[in-house]
Each structure stands twice: as structure tokens, then as C-alpha cells.
């Protein structure tokens, strides 16, 4: 038999019109841990089972595990760069950390396919887990965020996407894996829509209609695009985003579900530090005057081959204390800084 490289999960699947993001914590006790381990070998099978019913819907599912969950379920060896979510900023402008042991990122062209797969996967987990957040995302017109600007323009593609998202020889036991960081942002749409288009473009760093990036000589250093652009040794470092708008119009909830994949979490964390603390400190992302992060979790995405094999792993350690589950915060207005409010 040829020695094939590990098959990655569907990190590079094309963007779809719908998605479900499920974050769960594992309940206390060895039985719950055993249920989750055994379930690992069913994820790909259930995804194929549902996808076969309508192949054109591009159904996919990515399953990932948090740092504490990995230690509890699988023990050593562990992914080299897996750690709890790092908090950045303070006060009202904080990238918060919230509980999360398991992430399911389910995508398809129709919500019924996403919902069917989510139902089957959650049935398999049963009372072994507690869902702490479930968000249903949708494509908004021509891939725009709910704030009206196109999202994901700088995503890498093809071999470049593989280079920036897939673990290689730097952590050979986990080749074909990836890291994924998720945050749920709520937007103050009344405040945002009160701004002129020119002010909004200065905050984002792009023209709203055409999506063309502002020229460097007029783009503010505090713009979102400026602070999330990273370079190393003269080369741009990229991540793969698959953000989705979500909301409840009747409840006044309007948001963006940020999800970023990378071969190491360090670039995403550097972007968050630039946004929430500033580059330099104080020169923070002015989009945060109208957006508030209410969740934050980091996960490791094993290769598809490893995910199935994890069902046979042992050696995890039960935590000394139960993980405390925090509720997802509700939307509340975000106060703009004086310089932006006056623009």
C-alpha cells in the first residue's frame, strides 16, 4: 500500500450559502469522555451519509477540540501550539475567552442539509455534552458582512491556502491538521449606519461598493485592513476566514461569526492584539467602537484520518474541577470613540 499523507478535514471546502457553528463543553465524568471519543469515528461517516442525498449542496463538517478537551480525551502527544484562548484588550474593548471543548463547523448551500447533519451529530453525543453556543450563519448578498462590506477578500487559495493552514513537518505527528479560532461579534448597527459611507470606508480600509482597498496614503493606520495585514521577512502572512453574518432582526441582534484557520494560531492572535490593543498600543481597530466580541475559543482540527483514529485513543486525564459554562452575552450598544463619532 502507498504511504499517503494524512487527509485533511474540509478546511478548504468552498464557501457556501449557509453554515451552523456549534460549540459545546464535555460534561463531567468518564462516561461522557468515552462517548465523545467513540463518536469521533462517526463524524465523517455521518457527513457522507447526509451529503450523498444531495451532492450538489457541498455539505461539509469540520470537527475540532479545545486545549482542555484534548488533555482530557486524548492525553499525549498533543498539538504543539494548542493552548487556551488568549484574552486581548480590556474593558469594553476585550477579546473575551469563553468555554469550548468541541467545535462543529457545518457548511452547505442549504440550511436543511446543515440542520440534518447537526441533528445527527448531536444525537450521537447525547447527554455527554452541553451546547454553549449555536449560531446559524447565512450568506449576505455578494459575500458581504452584515455591516455592508465584502468579507474574506484576502483569503489565500489553492497551494497558498494549504501552505498557510495545514500543519507540516514542524509538528510531524499532527501533519494535515490545522488550528481554528472563533469569535462571535455583535454590532451596534444604529451607530454604524449613522456614520457616513466615507467614515465607514476609513474604518474598514476599503471602498464599500467596489471593495477596492484604499490607497496607502489615505488609508488610516487604525483601519481594520491595515491592522489585520501581517508581514514576516517581507512576505504577507495570511489566514483562511469563513466568516458568516447572523442575526435576529426582531430582537435587534446583528452579528458576524468570525472563524479563522491557520497552521499555527500565532498569526490570528497577532491580528487580535493589533485590533484590540493597537499597533502601536492605542492605535486600535475603530471597528471595535461598533462591534463587541462576546465569545472566543481556540481549537485544534485533526486530520480526517486522525479524527477517526482518536476513537481508539486512551490516556486522557479527567479535570480536577468541572468546567464552568458561561452564557453567551446579549447584544448591547457599543459606544464609539470621540474621534470617530465626530467624523
Protein backbone atom coordinates (compact mmCIF):
# COMPACT_ATOMS: atom_id res chain seq x y z
CA UNK A 1 0.00 0.00 0.00
CA UNK A 2 1.31 3.50 -0.83
CA UNK A 3 2.14 5.74 2.15
CA UNK A 4 -0.34 8.59 1.63
CA UNK A 5 -0.15 11.88 3.53
CA UNK A 6 -2.94 12.35 6.09
CA UNK A 7 -6.22 13.52 4.55
CA UNK A 8 -7.20 16.92 5.97
CA UNK A 9 -10.69 17.72 7.11
CA UNK A 10 -12.71 20.03 4.84
CA UNK A 11 -10.86 23.22 5.79
CA UNK A 12 -10.52 24.24 2.14
CA UNK A 13 -14.10 23.48 1.09
CA UNK A 14 -15.68 26.34 -0.88
CA UNK A 15 -17.74 28.99 0.84
CA UNK A 16 -21.42 28.08 0.95
CA UNK A 17 -24.64 29.98 1.47
CA UNK A 18 -25.33 28.58 4.95
CA UNK A 19 -23.44 27.35 7.99
CA UNK A 20 -24.03 26.15 11.54
CA UNK A 21 -21.42 26.80 14.21
CA UNK A 22 -21.80 24.62 17.30
CA UNK A 23 -19.61 24.98 20.39
CA UNK A 24 -20.06 22.50 23.23
CA UNK A 25 -18.42 21.58 26.51
CA UNK A 26 -17.99 17.99 27.65
CA UNK A 27 -19.95 17.09 30.77
CA UNK A 28 -18.18 15.70 33.86
CA UNK A 29 -17.38 12.04 34.25
CA UNK A 30 -15.53 9.29 32.39
CA UNK A 31 -18.69 8.10 30.60
CA UNK A 32 -19.09 11.47 28.88
CA UNK A 33 -15.46 11.42 27.77
CA UNK A 34 -15.81 7.85 26.47
CA UNK A 35 -18.91 8.81 24.47
CA UNK A 36 -17.10 11.71 22.79
CA UNK A 37 -14.07 9.57 21.94
CA UNK A 38 -16.22 6.84 20.36
CA UNK A 39 -18.21 9.49 18.44
CA UNK A 40 -15.05 10.71 16.68
CA UNK A 41 -15.13 7.82 14.20
CA UNK A 42 -18.73 8.64 13.23
CA UNK A 43 -18.27 12.27 12.14
CA UNK A 44 -17.01 11.58 8.60
CA UNK A 45 -19.46 8.70 8.10
CA UNK A 46 -22.48 10.79 9.08
CA UNK A 47 -21.29 13.65 6.86
CA UNK A 48 -21.04 11.30 3.84
CA UNK A 49 -24.43 9.78 4.70
CA UNK A 50 -26.20 13.13 4.55
CA UNK A 51 -24.13 14.53 1.66
CA UNK A 52 -24.97 11.56 -0.58
CA UNK A 53 -28.63 12.58 -0.52
CA UNK A 54 -27.79 15.82 -2.35
CA UNK A 55 -24.15 16.03 -3.50
CA UNK A 56 -24.62 19.41 -5.19
CA UNK A 57 -25.20 21.05 -1.80
CA UNK A 58 -21.45 20.88 -0.94
CA UNK A 59 -22.09 19.68 2.61
CA UNK A 60 -19.02 19.55 4.84
CA UNK A 61 -18.23 19.33 8.53
CA UNK A 62 -15.10 20.24 10.46
CA UNK A 63 -14.68 18.91 14.00
CA UNK A 64 -12.13 20.48 16.35
CA UNK A 65 -11.14 20.22 20.02
CA UNK A 66 -10.08 22.75 22.64
CA UNK A 67 -6.95 22.53 24.79
CA UNK A 68 -8.60 21.22 27.96
CA UNK A 69 -10.70 18.73 25.99
CA UNK A 70 -7.64 17.36 24.23
CA UNK A 71 -5.87 16.68 27.52
CA UNK A 72 -8.97 15.07 28.98
CA UNK A 73 -9.87 12.92 25.99
CA UNK A 74 -6.60 12.05 24.32
CA UNK A 75 -3.63 12.96 26.52
CA UNK A 76 -0.16 12.83 24.98
CA UNK A 77 1.02 13.52 22.38
CA UNK A 78 -0.76 16.87 21.97
CA UNK A 79 -0.58 19.50 19.20
CA UNK A 80 2.40 21.77 19.85
CA UNK A 81 0.59 25.11 19.54
CA UNK A 82 -2.72 24.18 21.22
CA UNK A 83 -3.50 26.30 24.27
CA UNK A 84 -6.47 28.08 25.86
CA UNK A 85 -7.80 31.17 24.09
CA UNK A 86 -5.69 34.24 24.89
CA UNK A 87 -7.52 37.36 26.04
CA UNK A 88 -6.54 40.70 24.46
CA UNK A 89 -7.53 44.22 25.46
CA UNK A 90 -9.53 45.31 28.49
CA UNK A 91 -12.77 46.98 29.49
CA UNK A 92 -15.42 47.30 26.79
CA UNK A 93 -12.81 46.52 24.11
CA UNK A 94 -11.80 42.97 25.03
CA UNK A 95 -11.35 39.79 23.05
CA UNK A 96 -13.00 37.59 25.66
CA UNK A 97 -12.36 33.88 26.29
CA UNK A 98 -15.40 31.62 26.68
CA UNK A 99 -15.71 27.85 27.26
CA UNK A 100 -15.45 25.46 24.34
CA UNK A 101 -14.33 21.83 24.17
CA UNK A 102 -15.76 20.85 20.76
CA UNK A 103 -16.38 22.95 17.65
CA UNK A 104 -18.53 21.79 14.75
CA UNK A 105 -18.35 23.94 11.62
CA UNK A 106 -21.04 22.66 9.24
CA UNK A 107 -21.46 24.20 5.77
CA UNK A 108 -23.82 23.64 2.84
CA UNK A 109 -25.71 25.50 0.14
CA UNK A 110 -28.98 24.96 2.02
CA UNK A 111 -29.80 25.13 5.71
CA UNK A 112 -31.75 21.86 5.70
CA UNK A 113 -28.56 19.92 4.94
CA UNK A 114 -26.68 21.72 7.71
CA UNK A 115 -29.52 21.12 10.14
CA UNK A 116 -29.87 17.44 9.29
CA UNK A 117 -26.18 16.77 9.86
CA UNK A 118 -26.09 18.85 13.05
CA UNK A 119 -29.05 16.87 14.40
CA UNK A 120 -27.43 13.51 13.70
CA UNK A 121 -24.10 14.56 15.19
CA UNK A 122 -25.70 15.95 18.34
CA UNK A 123 -27.83 12.81 18.71
CA UNK A 124 -24.59 10.83 18.77
CA UNK A 125 -23.19 12.98 21.56
CA UNK A 126 -26.41 12.89 23.58
CA UNK A 127 -26.06 14.00 27.20
CA UNK A 128 -22.26 13.76 27.08
CA UNK A 129 -22.04 17.45 26.15
CA UNK A 130 -23.66 20.82 26.83
CA UNK A 131 -24.04 23.20 23.89
CA UNK A 132 -22.87 26.65 24.95
CA UNK A 133 -23.39 28.37 21.60
CA UNK A 134 -25.19 27.54 18.37
CA UNK A 135 -25.14 30.11 15.59
CA UNK A 136 -26.76 29.79 12.16
CA UNK A 137 -24.96 31.86 9.55
CA UNK A 138 -26.07 32.93 6.09
CA UNK A 139 -24.51 34.49 3.01
CA UNK A 140 -25.43 38.16 2.74
CA UNK A 141 -25.74 39.30 -0.89
CA UNK A 142 -22.28 39.21 -2.59
CA UNK A 143 -20.41 37.78 0.43
CA UNK A 144 -20.85 40.93 2.49
CA UNK A 145 -20.73 41.17 6.26
CA UNK A 146 -23.83 42.50 7.97
CA UNK A 147 -22.10 45.92 8.14
CA UNK A 148 -22.21 46.10 4.33
CA UNK A 149 -18.58 45.41 3.33
CA UNK A 150 -17.33 42.34 1.44
CA UNK A 151 -15.67 39.87 3.82
CA UNK A 152 -12.77 37.47 3.21
CA UNK A 153 -11.25 39.30 0.23
CA UNK A 154 -7.65 38.44 1.13
CA UNK A 155 -8.24 34.71 1.69
CA UNK A 156 -5.45 32.53 0.28
CA UNK A 157 -6.43 29.99 -2.37
CA UNK A 158 -5.02 26.81 -3.88
CA UNK A 159 -1.50 25.86 -2.77
CA UNK A 160 -1.20 29.12 -0.85
CA UNK A 161 -4.21 28.14 1.27
CA UNK A 162 -2.62 24.77 2.03
CA UNK A 163 0.66 26.47 2.98
CA UNK A 164 -0.97 28.87 5.42
CA UNK A 165 -3.46 26.45 7.00
CA UNK A 166 -2.00 22.94 7.08
CA UNK A 167 0.48 21.76 9.73
CA UNK A 168 3.57 20.22 8.18
CA UNK A 169 6.92 18.91 9.37
CA UNK A 170 7.07 21.49 12.18
CA UNK A 171 4.74 19.20 14.17
CA UNK A 172 5.03 15.93 12.24
CA UNK A 173 2.69 13.85 14.40
CA UNK A 174 -0.12 16.25 13.53
CA UNK A 175 0.58 16.76 9.82
CA UNK A 176 -2.58 17.64 7.91
CA UNK A 177 -4.15 19.27 10.93
CA UNK A 178 -4.92 22.92 11.48
CA UNK A 179 -5.92 25.43 14.15
CA UNK A 180 -9.17 27.35 14.19
CA UNK A 181 -10.14 30.38 16.25
CA UNK A 182 -13.74 31.53 16.56
CA UNK A 183 -15.35 34.71 17.89
CA UNK A 184 -18.92 35.90 17.85
CA UNK A 185 -19.24 39.67 17.30
CA UNK A 186 -22.36 41.75 17.91
CA UNK A 187 -22.69 45.05 16.05
CA UNK A 188 -24.23 48.38 17.01
CA UNK A 189 -25.98 48.83 13.68
CA UNK A 190 -27.74 52.05 14.66
CA UNK A 191 -24.41 53.68 15.45
CA UNK A 192 -22.71 52.17 12.40
CA UNK A 193 -25.44 53.24 10.00
CA UNK A 194 -25.35 56.78 11.41
CA UNK A 195 -21.82 57.17 10.00
CA UNK A 196 -21.20 58.48 6.51
CA UNK A 197 -20.02 55.97 3.93
CA UNK A 198 -16.69 57.79 3.83
CA UNK A 199 -16.25 57.32 7.58
CA UNK A 200 -17.14 53.64 7.31
CA UNK A 201 -14.61 53.19 4.49
CA UNK A 202 -11.91 54.77 6.64
CA UNK A 203 -12.66 52.33 9.46
CA UNK A 204 -12.58 49.27 7.18
CA UNK A 205 -9.88 50.44 4.77
CA UNK A 206 -11.84 49.63 1.62
CA UNK A 207 -14.37 51.27 -0.67
CA UNK A 208 -17.80 49.99 0.31
CA UNK A 209 -19.34 49.44 -3.12
CA UNK A 210 -16.35 48.28 -5.19
CA UNK A 211 -14.45 46.52 -2.37
CA UNK A 212 -11.22 48.10 -3.67
CA UNK A 213 -8.67 48.73 -0.93
CA UNK A 214 -7.97 52.38 -0.08
CA UNK A 215 -4.64 53.74 -1.23
CA UNK A 216 -1.96 53.58 1.44
CA UNK A 217 -1.58 57.36 1.50
CA UNK A 218 -5.22 57.82 2.61
CA UNK A 219 -5.92 54.58 4.48
CA UNK A 220 -5.82 55.19 8.25
CA UNK A 221 -3.30 53.16 10.26
CA UNK A 222 -6.20 52.25 12.56
CA UNK A 223 -8.28 50.74 9.76
CA UNK A 224 -9.33 47.12 10.02
CA UNK A 225 -7.45 46.09 6.87
CA UNK A 226 -4.24 47.82 8.00
CA UNK A 227 -4.20 46.19 11.44
CA UNK A 228 -5.03 42.70 10.18
CA UNK A 229 -2.32 42.68 7.50
CA UNK A 230 0.78 40.88 8.74
CA UNK A 231 4.22 40.58 7.16
CA UNK A 232 7.16 38.36 8.05
CA UNK A 233 10.52 38.70 6.29
CA UNK A 234 8.86 40.89 3.68
CA UNK A 235 6.13 38.34 2.87
CA UNK A 236 2.47 38.64 3.84
CA UNK A 237 1.22 36.05 6.34
CA UNK A 238 -2.37 35.00 5.69
CA UNK A 239 -5.16 33.09 7.40
CA UNK A 240 -8.25 31.47 5.89
CA UNK A 241 -11.51 33.09 7.00
CA UNK A 242 -15.01 31.72 6.52
CA UNK A 243 -16.94 34.39 8.41
CA UNK A 244 -20.73 34.45 8.28
CA UNK A 245 -23.36 37.06 9.15
CA UNK A 246 -26.06 36.03 11.63
CA UNK A 247 -28.86 37.79 13.42
CA UNK A 248 -32.39 38.09 14.72
CA UNK A 249 -33.98 41.18 13.21
CA UNK A 250 -36.91 41.17 15.61
CA UNK A 251 -34.56 41.06 18.59
CA UNK A 252 -32.24 43.74 17.25
CA UNK A 253 -29.34 41.29 17.03
CA UNK A 254 -26.90 41.73 14.14
CA UNK A 255 -23.57 39.97 14.13
CA UNK A 256 -20.58 38.41 12.43
CA UNK A 257 -19.28 34.96 13.30
CA UNK A 258 -15.53 35.14 12.81
CA UNK A 259 -13.79 31.85 12.07
CA UNK A 260 -10.16 31.74 11.03
CA UNK A 261 -7.98 28.74 10.12
CA UNK A 262 -4.17 28.70 10.26
CA UNK A 263 -1.28 26.22 10.58
CA UNK A 264 -0.38 28.00 13.84
CA UNK A 265 -2.62 30.27 15.93
CA UNK A 266 0.10 32.91 16.33
CA UNK A 267 -0.86 34.99 13.23
CA UNK A 268 -4.53 35.14 14.25
CA UNK A 269 -3.55 36.09 17.78
CA UNK A 270 -1.26 38.82 16.45
CA UNK A 271 -4.17 40.20 14.43
CA UNK A 272 -6.34 40.24 17.55
CA UNK A 273 -3.64 42.02 19.54
CA UNK A 274 -3.33 44.62 16.79
CA UNK A 275 -7.11 45.10 16.76
CA UNK A 276 -7.83 45.18 20.49
CA UNK A 277 -4.61 46.65 21.91
CA UNK A 278 -3.31 48.51 18.88
CA UNK A 279 -0.27 48.73 16.63
CA UNK A 280 1.29 50.62 18.35
CA UNK A 281 -0.66 50.39 21.63
CA UNK A 282 -3.65 52.74 21.50
CA UNK A 283 -3.94 52.64 17.70
CA UNK A 284 -6.72 50.06 17.90
CA UNK A 285 -9.26 48.91 15.28
CA UNK A 286 -12.02 51.54 15.23
CA UNK A 287 -14.47 48.88 14.02
CA UNK A 288 -14.49 47.79 17.68
CA UNK A 289 -16.27 51.03 18.57
CA UNK A 290 -19.29 49.43 16.87
CA UNK A 291 -18.56 45.73 17.40
CA UNK A 292 -18.21 43.67 20.56
CA UNK A 293 -16.73 40.18 20.88
CA UNK A 294 -18.97 38.03 23.10
CA UNK A 295 -17.27 34.64 22.62
CA UNK A 296 -13.74 33.46 21.96
CA UNK A 297 -12.28 29.94 21.69
CA UNK A 298 -9.29 28.22 20.09
CA UNK A 299 -9.39 24.66 18.76
CA UNK A 300 -7.20 22.10 17.02
CA UNK A 301 -8.52 20.46 13.83
CA UNK A 302 -7.07 16.95 13.46
CA UNK A 303 -6.71 15.45 10.01
CA UNK A 304 -9.63 13.31 8.88
CA UNK A 305 -7.53 10.19 9.40
CA UNK A 306 -6.55 11.24 12.92
CA UNK A 307 -10.12 12.19 13.85
CA UNK A 308 -11.29 8.67 13.12
CA UNK A 309 -8.31 7.14 14.93
CA UNK A 310 -8.92 9.26 18.04
CA UNK A 311 -11.83 6.95 18.86
CA UNK A 312 -9.22 4.40 19.93
CA UNK A 313 -7.08 6.78 21.98
CA UNK A 314 -6.68 6.48 25.74
CA UNK A 315 -4.59 8.28 28.32
CA UNK A 316 -6.69 11.39 28.85
CA UNK A 317 -6.96 12.84 32.37
CA UNK A 318 -10.24 13.91 33.97
CA UNK A 319 -10.06 17.56 35.19
CA UNK A 320 -9.93 18.18 38.92
CA UNK A 321 -12.81 20.65 38.70
CA UNK A 322 -15.82 20.85 36.39
CA UNK A 323 -15.52 23.44 33.67
CA UNK A 324 -17.83 26.35 34.32
CA UNK A 325 -20.14 27.22 31.43
CA UNK A 326 -20.73 30.91 30.79
CA UNK A 327 -23.83 32.09 28.91
CA UNK A 328 -23.34 33.94 25.66
CA UNK A 329 -23.70 37.67 26.26
CA UNK A 330 -26.64 39.53 24.80
CA UNK A 331 -26.29 42.49 22.47
CA UNK A 332 -25.85 45.96 23.89
CA UNK A 333 -24.79 49.24 22.28
CA UNK A 334 -21.07 49.87 21.80
CA UNK A 335 -20.02 53.44 22.39
CA UNK A 336 -17.85 54.96 19.63
CA UNK A 337 -14.65 56.83 20.41
CA UNK A 338 -14.94 60.65 20.20
CA UNK A 339 -12.79 60.96 17.07
CA UNK A 340 -14.94 58.52 15.07
CA UNK A 341 -18.24 59.81 16.41
CA UNK A 342 -17.32 63.29 15.30
CA UNK A 343 -16.45 62.23 11.75
